[in-house]
Amino acid sequence: MAYEISDKCTKCGSCKEVCPVEAISAGETKYVIDAGTCVDCGVCANECPVEAISPAS
């Protein structure tokens, strides 16, 4: 199961910097995670200062 980034994202970029498979990119209003590339490691969620990242529902 991939992770997803909610609208709480402040586009700080901390998640993108730590993603080991480069699945995170800047979207128009927030960062987005490519579900096909995400390996479900959770590093991004642990790094997010505003808790905007969680497992996809």
PDB file of N, CA and C in Angstrom:
ATOM      1  N   MET A   1       0.848  -1.173   0.000  1.00  0.00           N
ATOM      2  CA  MET A   1       0.000   0.000   0.000  1.00  0.00           C
ATOM      3  C   MET A   1       0.896   1.241   0.000  1.00  0.00           C
ATOM      4  N   ALA A   2       0.677   2.116  -0.903  1.00  0.00           N
ATOM      5  CA  ALA A   2       1.456   3.349  -1.009  1.00  0.00           C
ATOM      6  C   ALA A   2       1.000   4.360   0.046  1.00  0.00           C
ATOM      7  N   TYR A   3       1.783   5.386   0.199  1.00  0.00           N
ATOM      8  CA  TYR A   3       1.430   6.487   1.088  1.00  0.00           C
ATOM      9  C   TYR A   3       0.817   7.605   0.262  1.00  0.00           C
ATOM     10  N   GLU A   4       0.115   8.520   0.936  1.00  0.00           N
ATOM     11  CA  GLU A   4      -0.469   9.676   0.260  1.00  0.00           C
ATOM     12  C   GLU A   4      -0.249  10.913   1.107  1.00  0.00           C
ATOM     13  N   ILE A   5      -0.253  12.050   0.441  1.00  0.00           N
ATOM     14  CA  ILE A   5      -0.015  13.329   1.111  1.00  0.00           C
ATOM     15  C   ILE A   5      -1.312  14.129   1.111  1.00  0.00           C
ATOM     16  N   SER A   6      -1.722  14.571   2.290  1.00  0.00           N
ATOM     17  CA  SER A   6      -2.977  15.311   2.426  1.00  0.00           C
ATOM     18  C   SER A   6      -2.788  16.793   2.110  1.00  0.00           C
ATOM     19  N   ASP A   7      -3.883  17.505   2.164  1.00  0.00           N
ATOM     20  CA  ASP A   7      -3.866  18.948   1.917  1.00  0.00           C
ATOM     21  C   ASP A   7      -3.176  19.731   3.031  1.00  0.00           C
ATOM     22  N   LYS A   8      -2.792  19.071   4.117  1.00  0.00           N
ATOM     23  CA  LYS A   8      -2.042  19.734   5.193  1.00  0.00           C
ATOM     24  C   LYS A   8      -0.602  20.023   4.761  1.00  0.00           C
ATOM     25  N   CYS A   9      -0.186  19.463   3.622  1.00  0.00           N
ATOM     26  CA  CYS A   9       1.182  19.628   3.112  1.00  0.00           C
ATOM     27  C   CYS A   9       1.513  21.118   2.939  1.00  0.00           C
ATOM     28  N   THR A  10       2.696  21.506   3.423  1.00  0.00           N
ATOM     29  CA  THR A  10       3.147  22.890   3.306  1.00  0.00           C
ATOM     30  C   THR A  10       4.224  23.051   2.230  1.00  0.00           C
ATOM     31  N   LYS A  11       4.481  21.982   1.473  1.00  0.00           N
ATOM     32  CA  LYS A  11       5.487  21.971   0.405  1.00  0.00           C
ATOM     33  C   LYS A  11       6.877  22.340   0.913  1.00  0.00           C
ATOM     34  N   CYS A  12       7.229  21.817   2.084  1.00  0.00           N
ATOM     35  CA  CYS A  12       8.552  22.099   2.640  1.00  0.00           C
ATOM     36  C   CYS A  12       9.649  21.284   1.951  1.00  0.00           C
ATOM     37  N   GLY A  13       9.275  20.140   1.375  1.00  0.00           N
ATOM     38  CA  GLY A  13      10.239  19.327   0.639  1.00  0.00           C
ATOM     39  C   GLY A  13      10.987  18.289   1.451  1.00  0.00           C
ATOM     40  N   SER A  14      10.735  18.223   2.751  1.00  0.00           N
ATOM     41  CA  SER A  14      11.478  17.262   3.573  1.00  0.00           C
ATOM     42  C   SER A  14      11.195  15.819   3.158  1.00  0.00           C
ATOM     43  N   CYS A  15       9.994  15.526   2.737  1.00  0.00           N
ATOM     44  CA  CYS A  15       9.646  14.161   2.318  1.00  0.00           C
ATOM     45  C   CYS A  15      10.368  13.778   1.026  1.00  0.00           C
ATOM     46  N   LYS A  16      10.422  14.685   0.100  1.00  0.00           N
ATOM     47  CA  LYS A  16      11.071  14.426  -1.187  1.00  0.00           C
ATOM     48  C   LYS A  16      12.554  14.110  -0.995  1.00  0.00           C
ATOM     49  N   GLU A  17      13.186  14.816  -0.093  1.00  0.00           N
ATOM     50  CA  GLU A  17      14.618  14.635   0.157  1.00  0.00           C
ATOM     51  C   GLU A  17      14.959  13.257   0.711  1.00  0.00           C
ATOM     52  N   VAL A  18      14.045  12.639   1.467  1.00  0.00           N
ATOM     53  CA  VAL A  18      14.357  11.362   2.109  1.00  0.00           C
ATOM     54  C   VAL A  18      13.817  10.135   1.381  1.00  0.00           C
ATOM     55  N   CYS A  19      13.006  10.329   0.356  1.00  0.00           N
ATOM     56  CA  CYS A  19      12.416   9.183  -0.350  1.00  0.00           C
ATOM     57  C   CYS A  19      13.506   8.389  -1.072  1.00  0.00           C
ATOM     58  N   PRO A  20      13.678   7.102  -0.715  1.00  0.00           N
ATOM     59  CA  PRO A  20      14.760   6.303  -1.299  1.00  0.00           C
ATOM     60  C   PRO A  20      14.532   5.895  -2.759  1.00  0.00           C
ATOM     61  N   VAL A  21      13.290   6.009  -3.233  1.00  0.00           N
ATOM     62  CA  VAL A  21      12.995   5.598  -4.616  1.00  0.00           C
ATOM     63  C   VAL A  21      12.516   6.767  -5.485  1.00  0.00           C
ATOM     64  N   GLU A  22      12.642   7.980  -4.958  1.00  0.00           N
ATOM     65  CA  GLU A  22      12.260   9.196  -5.681  1.00  0.00           C
ATOM     66  C   GLU A  22      10.819   9.149  -6.193  1.00  0.00           C
ATOM     67  N   ALA A  23       9.897   8.703  -5.327  1.00  0.00           N
ATOM     68  CA  ALA A  23       8.489   8.597  -5.682  1.00  0.00           C
ATOM     69  C   ALA A  23       7.718   9.890  -5.420  1.00  0.00           C
ATOM     70  N   ILE A  24       8.369  10.876  -4.830  1.00  0.00           N
ATOM     71  CA  ILE A  24       7.684  12.113  -4.437  1.00  0.00           C
ATOM     72  C   ILE A  24       8.121  13.265  -5.338  1.00  0.00           C
ATOM     73  N   SER A  25       7.125  14.010  -5.800  1.00  0.00           N
ATOM     74  CA  SER A  25       7.412  15.165  -6.650  1.00  0.00           C
ATOM     75  C   SER A  25       6.502  16.323  -6.249  1.00  0.00           C
ATOM     76  N   ALA A  26       6.896  17.520  -6.653  1.00  0.00           N
ATOM     77  CA  ALA A  26       6.114  18.712  -6.333  1.00  0.00           C
ATOM     78  C   ALA A  26       4.891  18.786  -7.231  1.00  0.00           C
ATOM     79  N   GLY A  27       3.737  18.889  -6.605  1.00  0.00           N
ATOM     80  CA  GLY A  27       2.501  19.096  -7.341  1.00  0.00           C
ATOM     81  C   GLY A  27       2.183  20.570  -7.369  1.00  0.00           C
ATOM     82  N   GLU A  28       1.008  20.896  -7.825  1.00  0.00           N
ATOM     83  CA  GLU A  28       0.620  22.299  -7.938  1.00  0.00           C
ATOM     84  C   GLU A  28       0.469  22.968  -6.576  1.00  0.00           C
ATOM     85  N   THR A  29      -0.206  22.289  -5.646  1.00  0.00           N
ATOM     86  CA  THR A  29      -0.442  22.887  -4.330  1.00  0.00           C
ATOM     87  C   THR A  29       0.197  22.108  -3.190  1.00  0.00           C
ATOM     88  N   LYS A  30       0.684  20.907  -3.473  1.00  0.00           N
ATOM     89  CA  LYS A  30       1.320  20.066  -2.455  1.00  0.00           C
ATOM     90  C   LYS A  30       2.212  19.045  -3.149  1.00  0.00           C
ATOM     91  N   TYR A  31       3.021  18.353  -2.379  1.00  0.00           N
ATOM     92  CA  TYR A  31       3.817  17.270  -2.946  1.00  0.00           C
ATOM     93  C   TYR A  31       2.908  16.067  -3.187  1.00  0.00           C
ATOM     94  N   VAL A  32       3.254  15.230  -4.143  1.00  0.00           N
ATOM     95  CA  VAL A  32       2.464  14.041  -4.457  1.00  0.00           C
ATOM     96  C   VAL A  32       3.374  12.821  -4.501  1.00  0.00           C
ATOM     97  N   ILE A  33       2.800  11.666  -4.214  1.00  0.00           N
ATOM     98  CA  ILE A  33       3.534  10.407  -4.215  1.00  0.00           C
ATOM     99  C   ILE A  33       3.026   9.537  -5.357  1.00  0.00           C
ATOM    100  N   ASP A  34       3.936   9.048  -6.180  1.00  0.00           N
ATOM    101  CA  ASP A  34       3.593   8.127  -7.264  1.00  0.00           C
ATOM    102  C   ASP A  34       3.386   6.749  -6.641  1.00  0.00           C
ATOM    103  N   ALA A  35       2.135   6.298  -6.589  1.00  0.00           N
ATOM    104  CA  ALA A  35       1.804   5.029  -5.939  1.00  0.00           C
ATOM    105  C   ALA A  35       2.495   3.839  -6.596  1.00  0.00           C
ATOM    106  N   GLY A  36       2.764   3.920  -7.877  1.00  0.00           N
ATOM    107  CA  GLY A  36       3.432   2.833  -8.577  1.00  0.00           C
ATOM    108  C   GLY A  36       4.906   2.715  -8.242  1.00  0.00           C
ATOM    109  N   THR A  37       5.499   3.797  -7.778  1.00  0.00           N
ATOM    110  CA  THR A  37       6.921   3.817  -7.435  1.00  0.00           C
ATOM    111  C   THR A  37       7.145   3.626  -5.934  1.00  0.00           C
ATOM    112  N   CYS A  38       6.215   4.079  -5.126  1.00  0.00           N
ATOM    113  CA  CYS A  38       6.321   4.011  -3.661  1.00  0.00           C
ATOM    114  C   CYS A  38       6.516   2.565  -3.200  1.00  0.00           C
ATOM    115  N   VAL A  39       7.481   2.356  -2.290  1.00  0.00           N
ATOM    116  CA  VAL A  39       7.755   1.017  -1.764  1.00  0.00           C
ATOM    117  C   VAL A  39       7.224   0.844  -0.340  1.00  0.00           C
ATOM    118  N   ASP A  40       6.393   1.764   0.113  1.00  0.00           N
ATOM    119  CA  ASP A  40       5.714   1.656   1.401  1.00  0.00           C
ATOM    120  C   ASP A  40       6.685   1.579   2.579  1.00  0.00           C
ATOM    121  N   CYS A  41       7.778   2.340   2.508  1.00  0.00           N
ATOM    122  CA  CYS A  41       8.776   2.275   3.586  1.00  0.00           C
ATOM    123  C   CYS A  41       8.413   3.172   4.770  1.00  0.00           C
ATOM    124  N   GLY A  42       7.634   4.236   4.542  1.00  0.00           N
ATOM    125  CA  GLY A  42       7.212   5.120   5.617  1.00  0.00           C
ATOM    126  C   GLY A  42       8.198   6.185   6.031  1.00  0.00           C
ATOM    127  N   VAL A  43       9.342   6.256   5.364  1.00  0.00           N
ATOM    128  CA  VAL A  43      10.356   7.257   5.722  1.00  0.00           C
ATOM    129  C   VAL A  43       9.787   8.666   5.569  1.00  0.00           C
ATOM    130  N   CYS A  44       9.041   8.894   4.521  1.00  0.00           N
ATOM    131  CA  CYS A  44       8.465  10.225   4.278  1.00  0.00           C
ATOM    132  C   CYS A  44       7.513  10.636   5.395  1.00  0.00           C
ATOM    133  N   ALA A  45       6.677   9.706   5.843  1.00  0.00           N
ATOM    134  CA  ALA A  45       5.714  10.005   6.901  1.00  0.00           C
ATOM    135  C   ALA A  45       6.431  10.363   8.201  1.00  0.00           C
ATOM    136  N   ASN A  46       7.513   9.670   8.484  1.00  0.00           N
ATOM    137  CA  ASN A  46       8.281   9.955   9.699  1.00  0.00           C
ATOM    138  C   ASN A  46       8.978  11.308   9.617  1.00  0.00           C
ATOM    139  N   GLU A  47       9.295  11.757   8.438  1.00  0.00           N
ATOM    140  CA  GLU A  47      10.019  13.015   8.241  1.00  0.00           C
ATOM    141  C   GLU A  47       9.100  14.243   8.197  1.00  0.00           C
ATOM    142  N   CYS A  48       7.855  14.060   7.827  1.00  0.00           N
ATOM    143  CA  CYS A  48       6.922  15.179   7.636  1.00  0.00           C
ATOM    144  C   CYS A  48       6.656  15.942   8.943  1.00  0.00           C
ATOM    145  N   PRO A  49       6.993  17.239   8.983  1.00  0.00           N
ATOM    146  CA  PRO A  49       6.823  18.015  10.212  1.00  0.00           C
ATOM    147  C   PRO A  49       5.367  18.370  10.539  1.00  0.00           C
ATOM    148  N   VAL A  50       4.467  18.252   9.560  1.00  0.00           N
ATOM    149  CA  VAL A  50       3.063  18.589   9.804  1.00  0.00           C
ATOM    150  C   VAL A  50       2.141  17.375   9.757  1.00  0.00           C
ATOM    151  N   GLU A  51       2.729  16.180   9.733  1.00  0.00           N
ATOM    152  CA  GLU A  51       1.978  14.929   9.723  1.00  0.00           C
ATOM    153  C   GLU A  51       0.941  14.872   8.598  1.00  0.00           C
ATOM    154  N   ALA A  52       1.374  15.271   7.397  1.00  0.00           N
ATOM    155  CA  ALA A  52       0.485  15.287   6.240  1.00  0.00           C
ATOM    156  C   ALA A  52       0.544  14.003   5.424  1.00  0.00           C
ATOM    157  N   ILE A  53       1.381  13.043   5.821  1.00  0.00           N
ATOM    158  CA  ILE A  53       1.553  11.819   5.044  1.00  0.00           C
ATOM    159  C   ILE A  53       1.085  10.613   5.840  1.00  0.00           C
ATOM    160  N   SER A  54       0.284   9.774   5.180  1.00  0.00           N
ATOM    161  CA  SER A  54      -0.238   8.575   5.829  1.00  0.00           C
ATOM    162  C   SER A  54      -0.431   7.483   4.794  1.00  0.00           C
ATOM    163  N   PRO A  55      -0.604   6.227   5.246  1.00  0.00           N
ATOM    164  CA  PRO A  55      -0.872   5.151   4.286  1.00  0.00           C
ATOM    165  C   PRO A  55      -2.140   5.456   3.505  1.00  0.00           C
ATOM    166  N   ALA A  56      -2.139   5.141   2.227  1.00  0.00           N
ATOM    167  CA  ALA A  56      -3.310   5.385   1.385  1.00  0.00           C
ATOM    168  C   ALA A  56      -4.479   4.536   1.872  1.00  0.00           C
ATOM    169  N   SER A  57      -5.677   5.107   1.779  1.00  0.00           N
ATOM    170  CA  SER A  57      -6.842   4.361   2.219  1.00  0.00           C
ATOM    171  C   SER A  57      -7.500   3.634   1.075  1.00  0.00           C
TER     172      SER A  57
END
